[in-house]
Amino acid sequence: MSGPDFHTPRRRAVRRRGPMRGRRRPIGSNLWLTPVMVVAFVAALATFQRFPAGSQAVPAPLAALFAAEGSGARDALSARFGFCHSGGGRDCVVDGDTFWFAGEKYRVADIDTPETHPARCAEEAALGEAATGRLRDWLNAGAFTLESTGRDTDRYGRKLRIVTRGGASVGSALVAEGLARPWEGRRRPWC
């Protein structure tokens, strides 16, 4: 008789499992993970130690923005500042005592500078223009610190900060150059 032999047993299809599936792994097989976890822990610890007490954890690109804000911090903030032509900005100077940094609007809290828009007279316009340029140049000259004054914002929503580099205030520099007055709690006319 030709054809299939009905007396031979059929072989069943056997599924093979992965080499370790269903078996216990040896204890030492995950020891490589220990040094990786230690390195990750140390890196995270080093990152969080850069933030001042009470700050929230922020992504790495923004960490530098908040690392120096507050009293006693080192100069760690910097950006390339231009002039704000209209409205808000990212990193630009509005006038001699107001600027945008990292999308936030700041007012230099320890000075009063001449208005630029609108100026009330030609002398105020010229001084205001000079103060605006000087503030931009000072901010672009190197890293700085934003120090809190105790009052967070003014009535226009600008963050009130004293801006320093190496412990010296930009406000003091502008006052010394005749481009600003020390803040006396109110504005006085420049004309």
C-alpha atoms as a PDB file:
ATOM      1  CA  MET A   1       0.000   0.000   0.000  1.00  0.00           C
ATOM      2  CA  SER A   2       1.323   3.287  -0.910  1.00  0.00           C
ATOM      3  CA  GLY A   3       0.327   6.427   0.814  1.00  0.00           C
ATOM      4  CA  PRO A   4       0.489   7.511   4.383  1.00  0.00           C
ATOM      5  CA  ASP A   5       1.264   5.008   7.002  1.00  0.00           C
ATOM      6  CA  PHE A   6      -1.557   5.145   9.470  1.00  0.00           C
ATOM      7  CA  HIS A   7       0.344   3.384  12.168  1.00  0.00           C
ATOM      8  CA  THR A   8       3.085   5.959  12.713  1.00  0.00           C
ATOM      9  CA  PRO A   9       2.379   8.462  15.447  1.00  0.00           C
ATOM     10  CA  ARG A  10       1.985  12.108  14.416  1.00  0.00           C
ATOM     11  CA  ARG A  11       4.416  14.595  15.768  1.00  0.00           C
ATOM     12  CA  ARG A  12       2.952  17.584  17.487  1.00  0.00           C
ATOM     13  CA  ALA A  13       4.217  21.074  16.679  1.00  0.00           C
ATOM     14  CA  VAL A  14       6.220  22.221  19.654  1.00  0.00           C
ATOM     15  CA  ARG A  15       6.533  25.896  20.448  1.00  0.00           C
ATOM     16  CA  ARG A  16       9.859  26.775  21.776  1.00  0.00           C
ATOM     17  CA  ARG A  17      10.053  29.390  24.442  1.00  0.00           C
ATOM     18  CA  GLY A  18      12.806  31.956  24.781  1.00  0.00           C
ATOM     19  CA  PRO A  19      15.943  30.793  26.535  1.00  0.00           C
ATOM     20  CA  MET A  20      14.920  32.170  29.974  1.00  0.00           C
ATOM     21  CA  ARG A  21      11.134  32.193  29.695  1.00  0.00           C
ATOM     22  CA  GLY A  22       9.543  30.219  32.435  1.00  0.00           C
ATOM     23  CA  ARG A  23      12.794  29.729  34.305  1.00  0.00           C
ATOM     24  CA  ARG A  24      14.173  31.748  37.185  1.00  0.00           C
ATOM     25  CA  ARG A  25      17.041  34.073  36.382  1.00  0.00           C
ATOM     26  CA  PRO A  26      20.210  33.705  38.359  1.00  0.00           C
ATOM     27  CA  ILE A  27      20.588  36.369  41.068  1.00  0.00           C
ATOM     28  CA  GLY A  28      23.760  37.886  39.616  1.00  0.00           C
ATOM     29  CA  SER A  29      22.279  38.562  36.155  1.00  0.00           C
ATOM     30  CA  ASN A  30      20.996  42.057  37.110  1.00  0.00           C
ATOM     31  CA  LEU A  31      24.097  43.270  38.918  1.00  0.00           C
ATOM     32  CA  TRP A  32      25.019  45.500  35.960  1.00  0.00           C
ATOM     33  CA  LEU A  33      21.994  47.636  36.843  1.00  0.00           C
ATOM     34  CA  THR A  34      23.458  48.691  40.216  1.00  0.00           C
ATOM     35  CA  PRO A  35      26.242  50.970  38.876  1.00  0.00           C
ATOM     36  CA  VAL A  36      23.815  52.496  36.358  1.00  0.00           C
ATOM     37  CA  MET A  37      21.364  53.372  39.148  1.00  0.00           C
ATOM     38  CA  VAL A  38      24.155  54.816  41.315  1.00  0.00           C
ATOM     39  CA  VAL A  39      25.307  57.095  38.472  1.00  0.00           C
ATOM     40  CA  ALA A  40      21.716  58.226  37.820  1.00  0.00           C
ATOM     41  CA  PHE A  41      21.191  58.974  41.519  1.00  0.00           C
ATOM     42  CA  VAL A  42      24.406  61.006  41.787  1.00  0.00           C
ATOM     43  CA  ALA A  43      23.540  62.976  38.627  1.00  0.00           C
ATOM     44  CA  ALA A  44      20.048  63.760  39.952  1.00  0.00           C
ATOM     45  CA  LEU A  45      21.452  64.805  43.325  1.00  0.00           C
ATOM     46  CA  ALA A  46      23.992  67.126  41.682  1.00  0.00           C
ATOM     47  CA  THR A  47      21.243  68.700  39.557  1.00  0.00           C
ATOM     48  CA  PHE A  48      18.944  69.402  42.500  1.00  0.00           C
ATOM     49  CA  GLN A  49      21.756  70.909  44.589  1.00  0.00           C
ATOM     50  CA  ARG A  50      22.034  73.712  42.015  1.00  0.00           C
ATOM     51  CA  PHE A  51      18.551  75.009  42.845  1.00  0.00           C
ATOM     52  CA  PRO A  52      18.025  77.444  45.737  1.00  0.00           C
ATOM     53  CA  ALA A  53      15.905  76.253  48.620  1.00  0.00           C
ATOM     54  CA  GLY A  54      12.210  76.348  47.859  1.00  0.00           C
ATOM     55  CA  SER A  55      12.516  76.404  44.063  1.00  0.00           C
ATOM     56  CA  GLN A  56      10.634  73.919  41.979  1.00  0.00           C
ATOM     57  CA  ALA A  57      12.381  71.373  39.824  1.00  0.00           C
ATOM     58  CA  VAL A  58      12.468  72.627  36.254  1.00  0.00           C
ATOM     59  CA  PRO A  59      13.731  71.185  32.993  1.00  0.00           C
ATOM     60  CA  ALA A  60      17.462  71.579  32.349  1.00  0.00           C
ATOM     61  CA  PRO A  61      17.131  74.441  29.811  1.00  0.00           C
ATOM     62  CA  LEU A  62      15.201  76.501  32.345  1.00  0.00           C
ATOM     63  CA  ALA A  63      17.278  75.544  35.381  1.00  0.00           C
ATOM     64  CA  ALA A  64      19.796  78.331  34.755  1.00  0.00           C
ATOM     65  CA  LEU A  65      17.000  80.898  34.776  1.00  0.00           C
ATOM     66  CA  PHE A  66      16.030  80.102  38.347  1.00  0.00           C
ATOM     67  CA  ALA A  67      19.329  78.910  39.771  1.00  0.00           C
ATOM     68  CA  ALA A  68      20.513  82.415  40.571  1.00  0.00           C
ATOM     69  CA  GLU A  69      17.287  84.212  41.400  1.00  0.00           C
ATOM     70  CA  GLY A  70      17.217  85.079  45.067  1.00  0.00           C
ATOM     71  CA  SER A  71      19.523  86.652  47.582  1.00  0.00           C
ATOM     72  CA  GLY A  72      23.083  85.490  48.001  1.00  0.00           C
ATOM     73  CA  ALA A  73      23.155  83.651  44.676  1.00  0.00           C
ATOM     74  CA  ARG A  74      26.052  83.763  42.244  1.00  0.00           C
ATOM     75  CA  ASP A  75      25.758  85.505  38.894  1.00  0.00           C
ATOM     76  CA  ALA A  76      24.400  82.759  36.654  1.00  0.00           C
ATOM     77  CA  LEU A  77      21.766  84.389  34.440  1.00  0.00           C
ATOM     78  CA  SER A  78      22.554  85.606  30.965  1.00  0.00           C
ATOM     79  CA  ALA A  79      21.029  86.125  27.551  1.00  0.00           C
ATOM     80  CA  ARG A  80      21.614  88.182  24.436  1.00  0.00           C
ATOM     81  CA  PHE A  81      19.424  91.276  24.824  1.00  0.00           C
ATOM     82  CA  GLY A  82      18.110  93.451  22.027  1.00  0.00           C
ATOM     83  CA  PHE A  83      15.632  96.309  22.092  1.00  0.00           C
ATOM     84  CA  CYS A  84      11.896  95.633  22.395  1.00  0.00           C
ATOM     85  CA  HIS A  85      10.268  97.433  19.489  1.00  0.00           C
ATOM     86  CA  SER A  86       6.682  96.809  20.521  1.00  0.00           C
ATOM     87  CA  GLY A  87       4.807  94.654  22.986  1.00  0.00           C
ATOM     88  CA  GLY A  88       6.430  91.805  24.866  1.00  0.00           C
ATOM     89  CA  GLY A  89       9.539  89.888  24.132  1.00  0.00           C
ATOM     90  CA  ARG A  90      11.845  87.136  25.188  1.00  0.00           C
ATOM     91  CA  ASP A  91      15.143  88.872  25.980  1.00  0.00           C
ATOM     92  CA  CYS A  92      14.922  92.572  25.231  1.00  0.00           C
ATOM     93  CA  VAL A  93      15.096  95.999  26.877  1.00  0.00           C
ATOM     94  CA  VAL A  94      11.968  98.200  26.927  1.00  0.00           C
ATOM     95  CA  ASP A  95      13.500 101.309  28.517  1.00  0.00           C
ATOM     96  CA  GLY A  96      16.110 102.270  31.106  1.00  0.00           C
ATOM     97  CA  ASP A  97      14.457 100.386  33.973  1.00  0.00           C
ATOM     98  CA  THR A  98      12.326  97.687  32.294  1.00  0.00           C
ATOM     99  CA  PHE A  99      13.326  94.569  30.363  1.00  0.00           C
ATOM    100  CA  TRP A 100      12.056  91.152  29.303  1.00  0.00           C
ATOM    101  CA  PHE A 101      14.068  88.108  30.312  1.00  0.00           C
ATOM    102  CA  ALA A 102      13.074  84.526  29.481  1.00  0.00           C
ATOM    103  CA  GLY A 103       9.546  85.673  28.680  1.00  0.00           C
ATOM    104  CA  GLU A 104       9.045  87.532  32.008  1.00  0.00           C
ATOM    105  CA  LYS A 105       8.869  91.325  32.332  1.00  0.00           C
ATOM    106  CA  TYR A 106      11.149  92.848  34.989  1.00  0.00           C
ATOM    107  CA  ARG A 107      11.512  96.325  36.456  1.00  0.00           C
ATOM    108  CA  VAL A 108      14.814  97.370  38.000  1.00  0.00           C
ATOM    109  CA  ALA A 109      13.524  98.103  41.497  1.00  0.00           C
ATOM    110  CA  ASP A 110      16.188 100.444  42.861  1.00  0.00           C
ATOM    111  CA  ILE A 111      16.032 103.204  40.215  1.00  0.00           C
ATOM    112  CA  ASP A 112      13.804 105.556  38.235  1.00  0.00           C
ATOM    113  CA  THR A 113      14.789 106.370  34.659  1.00  0.00           C
ATOM    114  CA  PRO A 114      13.429 108.869  32.121  1.00  0.00           C
ATOM    115  CA  GLU A 115      10.418 107.765  30.093  1.00  0.00           C
ATOM    116  CA  THR A 116      10.872 106.962  26.436  1.00  0.00           C
ATOM    117  CA  HIS A 117       7.300 106.358  25.262  1.00  0.00           C
ATOM    118  CA  PRO A 118       6.118 108.939  25.499  1.00  0.00           C
ATOM    119  CA  ALA A 119       8.830 111.299  26.678  1.00  0.00           C
ATOM    120  CA  ARG A 120       7.532 114.643  27.975  1.00  0.00           C
ATOM    121  CA  CYS A 121      10.363 116.732  26.534  1.00  0.00           C
ATOM    122  CA  ALA A 122      13.428 116.408  24.278  1.00  0.00           C
ATOM    123  CA  GLU A 123      15.832 116.191  27.238  1.00  0.00           C
ATOM    124  CA  GLU A 124      13.858 113.311  28.802  1.00  0.00           C
ATOM    125  CA  ALA A 125      13.758 111.524  25.407  1.00  0.00           C
ATOM    126  CA  ALA A 126      17.541 111.805  25.001  1.00  0.00           C
ATOM    127  CA  LEU A 127      18.265 110.636  28.581  1.00  0.00           C
ATOM    128  CA  GLY A 128      15.721 107.829  28.271  1.00  0.00           C
ATOM    129  CA  GLU A 129      17.304 106.620  25.032  1.00  0.00           C
ATOM    130  CA  ALA A 130      20.765 106.682  26.618  1.00  0.00           C
ATOM    131  CA  ALA A 131      19.533 104.812  29.725  1.00  0.00           C
ATOM    132  CA  THR A 132      17.850 102.173  27.540  1.00  0.00           C
ATOM    133  CA  GLY A 133      21.044 101.583  25.560  1.00  0.00           C
ATOM    134  CA  ARG A 134      23.153 101.481  28.712  1.00  0.00           C
ATOM    135  CA  LEU A 135      20.863  98.919  30.385  1.00  0.00           C
ATOM    136  CA  ARG A 136      21.041  96.709  27.281  1.00  0.00           C
ATOM    137  CA  ASP A 137      24.839  96.987  27.162  1.00  0.00           C
ATOM    138  CA  TRP A 138      25.132  96.203  30.888  1.00  0.00           C
ATOM    139  CA  LEU A 139      22.872  93.132  30.630  1.00  0.00           C
ATOM    140  CA  ASN A 140      24.846  91.848  27.613  1.00  0.00           C
ATOM    141  CA  ALA A 141      28.208  92.366  29.349  1.00  0.00           C
ATOM    142  CA  GLY A 142      28.015  89.135  31.382  1.00  0.00           C
ATOM    143  CA  ALA A 143      26.119  86.962  33.820  1.00  0.00           C
ATOM    144  CA  PHE A 144      23.942  88.697  36.388  1.00  0.00           C
ATOM    145  CA  THR A 145      21.668  88.003  39.345  1.00  0.00           C
ATOM    146  CA  LEU A 146      18.050  89.003  39.983  1.00  0.00           C
ATOM    147  CA  GLU A 147      17.613  89.754  43.683  1.00  0.00           C
ATOM    148  CA  SER A 148      14.209  89.953  45.305  1.00  0.00           C
ATOM    149  CA  THR A 149      13.170  93.185  46.986  1.00  0.00           C
ATOM    150  CA  GLY A 150      10.514  91.751  49.266  1.00  0.00           C
ATOM    151  CA  ARG A 151       7.701  92.885  46.957  1.00  0.00           C
ATOM    152  CA  ASP A 152       7.310  90.524  44.006  1.00  0.00           C
ATOM    153  CA  THR A 153       5.499  92.663  41.413  1.00  0.00           C
ATOM    154  CA  ASP A 154       4.467  96.250  40.759  1.00  0.00           C
ATOM    155  CA  ARG A 155       0.990  97.449  39.829  1.00  0.00           C
ATOM    156  CA  TYR A 156       1.686  96.709  36.146  1.00  0.00           C
ATOM    157  CA  GLY A 157       2.585  93.066  36.827  1.00  0.00           C
ATOM    158  CA  ARG A 158       6.323  93.523  36.277  1.00  0.00           C
ATOM    159  CA  LYS A 159       8.601  91.519  38.563  1.00  0.00           C
ATOM    160  CA  LEU A 160      10.507  93.885  40.851  1.00  0.00           C
ATOM    161  CA  ARG A 161      14.172  92.900  41.145  1.00  0.00           C
ATOM    162  CA  ILE A 162      17.521  94.487  41.874  1.00  0.00           C
ATOM    163  CA  VAL A 163      19.838  93.437  39.055  1.00  0.00           C
ATOM    164  CA  THR A 164      23.437  92.846  40.152  1.00  0.00           C
ATOM    165  CA  ARG A 165      26.729  91.556  38.822  1.00  0.00           C
ATOM    166  CA  GLY A 166      29.488  90.776  41.280  1.00  0.00           C
ATOM    167  CA  GLY A 167      27.380  92.397  44.011  1.00  0.00           C
ATOM    168  CA  ALA A 168      27.151  95.757  42.174  1.00  0.00           C
ATOM    169  CA  SER A 169      23.729  96.958  41.046  1.00  0.00           C
ATOM    170  CA  VAL A 170      23.043  98.105  37.491  1.00  0.00           C
ATOM    171  CA  GLY A 171      20.893 100.764  39.137  1.00  0.00           C
ATOM    172  CA  SER A 172      23.935 102.194  40.916  1.00  0.00           C
ATOM    173  CA  ALA A 173      25.855 102.241  37.633  1.00  0.00           C
ATOM    174  CA  LEU A 174      23.051 104.140  35.861  1.00  0.00           C
ATOM    175  CA  VAL A 175      22.748 106.608  38.756  1.00  0.00           C
ATOM    176  CA  ALA A 176      26.518 107.207  38.735  1.00  0.00           C
ATOM    177  CA  GLU A 177      26.357 107.924  34.988  1.00  0.00           C
ATOM    178  CA  GLY A 178      23.482 110.416  35.411  1.00  0.00           C
ATOM    179  CA  LEU A 179      21.015 108.207  33.518  1.00  0.00           C
ATOM    180  CA  ALA A 180      18.812 107.334  36.513  1.00  0.00           C
ATOM    181  CA  ARG A 181      17.817 108.420  40.021  1.00  0.00           C
ATOM    182  CA  PRO A 182      17.607 106.225  43.101  1.00  0.00           C
ATOM    183  CA  TRP A 183      14.022 105.014  43.561  1.00  0.00           C
ATOM    184  CA  GLU A 184      12.233 107.208  46.123  1.00  0.00           C
ATOM    185  CA  GLY A 185       8.870 105.446  46.121  1.00  0.00           C
ATOM    186  CA  ARG A 186       7.415 107.661  43.383  1.00  0.00           C
ATOM    187  CA  ARG A 187       8.322 109.033  39.990  1.00  0.00           C
ATOM    188  CA  ARG A 188       9.480 112.622  39.543  1.00  0.00           C
ATOM    189  CA  PRO A 189       9.456 114.595  36.271  1.00  0.00           C
ATOM    190  CA  TRP A 190      12.625 114.721  34.162  1.00  0.00           C
ATOM    191  CA  CYS A 191      11.737 117.926  32.274  1.00  0.00           C
END
